[in-house]
């Protein structure tokens, strides 16, 4: 995770532990090669035999972001005058 997001990520996790919602959110991730990539993170928790368990999923959404950008650009080109 890029340094600039680490504090916010910690706050989000602490809020989740206090019972807040675990809605998915987007942030920049750090590839092992050092480049940034857009990620979508989602978390869930459950209780089993009195113990809390957490799971998290990080999805690379680079392709989604490229498609969204291409759509925005095409809308500008083909917008009615």
N, C-alpha and C. Protein backbone atom coordinates (compact mmCIF):
# COMPACT_ATOMS: atom_id res chain seq x y z
N UNK A 1 0.85 -1.16 0.00
CA UNK A 1 0.00 0.00 0.00
C UNK A 1 0.90 1.23 0.00
N UNK A 2 0.61 2.20 -0.88
CA UNK A 2 1.41 3.43 -0.87
C UNK A 2 1.33 4.11 0.50
N UNK A 3 2.41 4.69 0.89
CA UNK A 3 2.53 5.32 2.22
C UNK A 3 1.38 6.29 2.50
N UNK A 4 0.96 7.06 1.51
CA UNK A 4 -0.05 8.12 1.74
C UNK A 4 -1.42 7.55 2.14
N UNK A 5 -1.66 6.25 1.95
CA UNK A 5 -2.94 5.66 2.30
C UNK A 5 -2.91 4.82 3.57
N UNK A 6 -1.76 4.61 4.13
CA UNK A 6 -1.65 3.67 5.24
C UNK A 6 -2.43 4.12 6.48
N UNK A 7 -2.40 5.38 6.79
CA UNK A 7 -3.13 5.86 7.97
C UNK A 7 -4.63 5.71 7.78
N UNK A 8 -5.14 6.13 6.61
CA UNK A 8 -6.58 6.02 6.34
C UNK A 8 -7.03 4.57 6.36
N UNK A 9 -6.21 3.68 5.85
CA UNK A 9 -6.54 2.26 5.85
C UNK A 9 -6.66 1.75 7.29
N UNK A 10 -5.74 2.16 8.14
CA UNK A 10 -5.79 1.76 9.54
C UNK A 10 -7.04 2.25 10.23
N UNK A 11 -7.44 3.49 9.94
CA UNK A 11 -8.67 4.05 10.52
C UNK A 11 -9.87 3.26 10.05
N UNK A 12 -9.92 2.93 8.76
CA UNK A 12 -11.03 2.16 8.21
C UNK A 12 -11.14 0.80 8.91
N UNK A 13 -10.01 0.14 9.08
CA UNK A 13 -10.03 -1.17 9.74
C UNK A 13 -10.48 -1.06 11.19
N UNK A 14 -10.00 -0.03 11.89
CA UNK A 14 -10.41 0.13 13.29
C UNK A 14 -11.91 0.40 13.39
N UNK A 15 -12.46 1.19 12.47
CA UNK A 15 -13.90 1.44 12.47
C UNK A 15 -14.66 0.14 12.22
N UNK A 16 -14.16 -0.69 11.35
CA UNK A 16 -14.79 -1.98 11.09
C UNK A 16 -14.80 -2.86 12.31
N UNK A 17 -13.71 -2.83 13.05
CA UNK A 17 -13.64 -3.64 14.27
C UNK A 17 -14.62 -3.16 15.32
N UNK A 18 -14.98 -1.88 15.25
CA UNK A 18 -15.93 -1.32 16.22
C UNK A 18 -17.37 -1.57 15.80
N UNK A 19 -17.57 -2.22 14.66
CA UNK A 19 -18.94 -2.57 14.26
C UNK A 19 -19.47 -1.75 13.11
N UNK A 20 -18.65 -0.92 12.48
CA UNK A 20 -19.12 -0.16 11.32
C UNK A 20 -19.30 -1.09 10.14
N UNK A 21 -19.86 -0.55 9.08
CA UNK A 21 -20.08 -1.34 7.87
C UNK A 21 -18.77 -1.63 7.16
N UNK A 22 -18.74 -2.73 6.47
CA UNK A 22 -17.55 -3.15 5.72
C UNK A 22 -17.79 -2.96 4.23
N UNK A 23 -18.24 -1.80 3.82
CA UNK A 23 -18.49 -1.55 2.41
C UNK A 23 -17.19 -1.60 1.62
N UNK A 24 -17.29 -2.06 0.38
CA UNK A 24 -16.12 -2.08 -0.50
C UNK A 24 -15.69 -0.65 -0.79
N UNK A 25 -14.41 -0.46 -0.97
CA UNK A 25 -13.90 0.86 -1.32
C UNK A 25 -12.69 0.71 -2.22
N UNK A 26 -12.37 1.79 -2.93
CA UNK A 26 -11.24 1.79 -3.85
C UNK A 26 -10.08 2.57 -3.26
N UNK A 27 -8.90 2.09 -3.56
CA UNK A 27 -7.69 2.82 -3.20
C UNK A 27 -6.55 2.33 -4.07
N UNK A 28 -5.45 3.03 -4.02
CA UNK A 28 -4.27 2.63 -4.78
C UNK A 28 -3.52 1.56 -4.00
N UNK A 29 -3.11 0.53 -4.70
CA UNK A 29 -2.29 -0.51 -4.11
C UNK A 29 -0.89 -0.41 -4.67
N UNK A 30 -0.01 -1.18 -4.13
CA UNK A 30 1.37 -1.17 -4.56
C UNK A 30 1.74 -2.57 -5.04
N UNK A 31 2.06 -2.68 -6.33
CA UNK A 31 2.49 -3.95 -6.90
C UNK A 31 3.86 -4.29 -6.35
N UNK A 32 4.20 -5.57 -6.29
CA UNK A 32 5.49 -5.96 -5.74
C UNK A 32 6.65 -5.34 -6.51
N UNK A 33 6.42 -4.95 -7.78
CA UNK A 33 7.45 -4.28 -8.57
C UNK A 33 7.56 -2.79 -8.27
N UNK A 34 6.65 -2.26 -7.43
CA UNK A 34 6.73 -0.87 -7.02
C UNK A 34 5.74 0.07 -7.69
N UNK A 35 5.06 -0.37 -8.76
CA UNK A 35 4.10 0.52 -9.43
C UNK A 35 2.76 0.49 -8.69
N UNK A 36 2.06 1.59 -8.78
CA UNK A 36 0.74 1.67 -8.17
C UNK A 36 -0.30 1.09 -9.11
N UNK A 37 -1.36 0.52 -8.53
CA UNK A 37 -2.47 0.02 -9.31
C UNK A 37 -3.75 0.25 -8.51
N UNK A 38 -4.86 0.45 -9.21
CA UNK A 38 -6.13 0.66 -8.49
C UNK A 38 -6.67 -0.66 -7.96
N UNK A 39 -7.11 -0.64 -6.71
CA UNK A 39 -7.67 -1.83 -6.07
C UNK A 39 -9.05 -1.52 -5.52
N UNK A 40 -9.86 -2.55 -5.45
CA UNK A 40 -11.11 -2.49 -4.70
C UNK A 40 -10.95 -3.46 -3.55
N UNK A 41 -11.15 -2.97 -2.34
CA UNK A 41 -11.04 -3.81 -1.15
C UNK A 41 -12.42 -4.03 -0.55
N UNK A 42 -12.65 -5.25 -0.12
CA UNK A 42 -13.89 -5.53 0.59
C UNK A 42 -13.56 -6.49 1.74
N UNK A 43 -14.30 -6.33 2.80
CA UNK A 43 -14.07 -7.12 4.01
C UNK A 43 -15.39 -7.70 4.50
N UNK A 44 -15.28 -8.76 5.23
CA UNK A 44 -16.45 -9.35 5.87
C UNK A 44 -16.00 -9.92 7.21
N UNK A 45 -16.94 -10.05 8.10
CA UNK A 45 -16.64 -10.68 9.38
C UNK A 45 -17.76 -11.64 9.74
N UNK A 46 -17.42 -12.60 10.52
CA UNK A 46 -18.42 -13.53 11.02
C UNK A 46 -17.96 -14.05 12.38
N UNK A 47 -18.90 -14.58 13.12
CA UNK A 47 -18.62 -15.12 14.43
C UNK A 47 -18.89 -16.61 14.40
N UNK A 48 -17.96 -17.37 14.95
CA UNK A 48 -18.11 -18.82 15.02
C UNK A 48 -17.62 -19.27 16.39
N UNK A 49 -18.50 -19.94 17.09
CA UNK A 49 -18.18 -20.43 18.43
C UNK A 49 -17.62 -19.33 19.33
N UNK A 50 -18.23 -18.14 19.23
CA UNK A 50 -17.85 -17.02 20.08
C UNK A 50 -16.61 -16.26 19.66
N UNK A 51 -16.01 -16.62 18.55
CA UNK A 51 -14.81 -15.92 18.07
C UNK A 51 -15.13 -15.14 16.81
N UNK A 52 -14.54 -13.94 16.68
CA UNK A 52 -14.72 -13.11 15.49
C UNK A 52 -13.65 -13.46 14.47
N UNK A 53 -14.09 -13.62 13.23
CA UNK A 53 -13.18 -13.89 12.11
C UNK A 53 -13.40 -12.82 11.04
N UNK A 54 -12.34 -12.49 10.34
CA UNK A 54 -12.40 -11.49 9.29
C UNK A 54 -11.78 -12.05 8.02
N UNK A 55 -12.32 -11.61 6.92
CA UNK A 55 -11.73 -11.96 5.63
C UNK A 55 -11.71 -10.70 4.77
N UNK A 56 -10.73 -10.61 3.92
CA UNK A 56 -10.62 -9.46 3.03
C UNK A 56 -10.25 -9.90 1.63
N UNK A 57 -10.75 -9.16 0.66
CA UNK A 57 -10.45 -9.44 -0.74
C UNK A 57 -9.97 -8.15 -1.38
N UNK A 58 -8.86 -8.24 -2.08
CA UNK A 58 -8.33 -7.11 -2.85
C UNK A 58 -8.41 -7.49 -4.32
N UNK A 59 -9.08 -6.65 -5.10
CA UNK A 59 -9.24 -6.91 -6.53
C UNK A 59 -8.50 -5.85 -7.32
N UNK A 60 -7.73 -6.27 -8.30
CA UNK A 60 -7.09 -5.34 -9.23
C UNK A 60 -8.17 -4.87 -10.20
N UNK A 61 -8.47 -3.57 -10.18
CA UNK A 61 -9.53 -3.03 -11.04
C UNK A 61 -8.94 -2.15 -12.15
N UNK A 62 -7.71 -2.44 -12.54
CA UNK A 62 -7.06 -1.66 -13.61
C UNK A 62 -7.88 -1.68 -14.89
N UNK A 63 -8.35 -2.85 -15.28
CA UNK A 63 -9.11 -2.95 -16.54
C UNK A 63 -10.42 -2.19 -16.44
N UNK A 64 -11.10 -2.27 -15.30
CA UNK A 64 -12.34 -1.52 -15.12
C UNK A 64 -12.09 -0.03 -15.25
N UNK A 65 -11.01 0.46 -14.64
CA UNK A 65 -10.68 1.88 -14.71
C UNK A 65 -10.37 2.31 -16.14
N UNK A 66 -9.65 1.46 -16.90
CA UNK A 66 -9.36 1.77 -18.31
C UNK A 66 -10.65 1.84 -19.12
N UNK A 67 -11.56 0.90 -18.87
CA UNK A 67 -12.84 0.88 -19.59
C UNK A 67 -13.68 2.12 -19.25
N UNK A 68 -13.70 2.52 -17.98
CA UNK A 68 -14.44 3.71 -17.58
C UNK A 68 -13.87 4.95 -18.25
N UNK A 69 -12.54 5.04 -18.30
CA UNK A 69 -11.89 6.19 -18.93
C UNK A 69 -12.20 6.21 -20.43
N UNK A 70 -12.14 5.07 -21.09
CA UNK A 70 -12.45 4.99 -22.52
C UNK A 70 -13.90 5.41 -22.78
N UNK A 71 -14.81 5.01 -21.90
CA UNK A 71 -16.21 5.39 -22.04
C UNK A 71 -16.37 6.90 -21.90
N UNK A 72 -15.74 7.49 -20.89
CA UNK A 72 -15.82 8.95 -20.71
C UNK A 72 -15.30 9.67 -21.95
N UNK A 73 -14.17 9.19 -22.47
CA UNK A 73 -13.59 9.83 -23.65
C UNK A 73 -14.50 9.68 -24.86
N UNK A 74 -15.11 8.51 -25.04
CA UNK A 74 -15.99 8.32 -26.19
C UNK A 74 -17.27 9.15 -26.06
N UNK A 75 -17.74 9.33 -24.84
CA UNK A 75 -18.94 10.16 -24.65
C UNK A 75 -18.64 11.59 -25.04
N UNK A 76 -17.42 12.06 -24.78
CA UNK A 76 -17.03 13.41 -25.18
C UNK A 76 -16.94 13.57 -26.69
N UNK A 77 -16.47 12.53 -27.36
CA UNK A 77 -16.32 12.57 -28.81
C UNK A 77 -17.69 12.50 -29.49
N UNK A 78 -18.57 11.67 -28.98
CA UNK A 78 -19.85 11.43 -29.65
C UNK A 78 -21.02 12.19 -29.02
N UNK A 79 -20.73 13.10 -28.12
CA UNK A 79 -21.82 13.85 -27.47
C UNK A 79 -22.52 14.73 -28.48
N UNK A 80 -23.86 14.82 -28.41
CA UNK A 80 -24.61 15.70 -29.34
C UNK A 80 -24.22 17.16 -29.12
N UNK A 81 -24.23 17.89 -30.19
CA UNK A 81 -23.86 19.31 -30.12
C UNK A 81 -25.06 20.17 -29.98
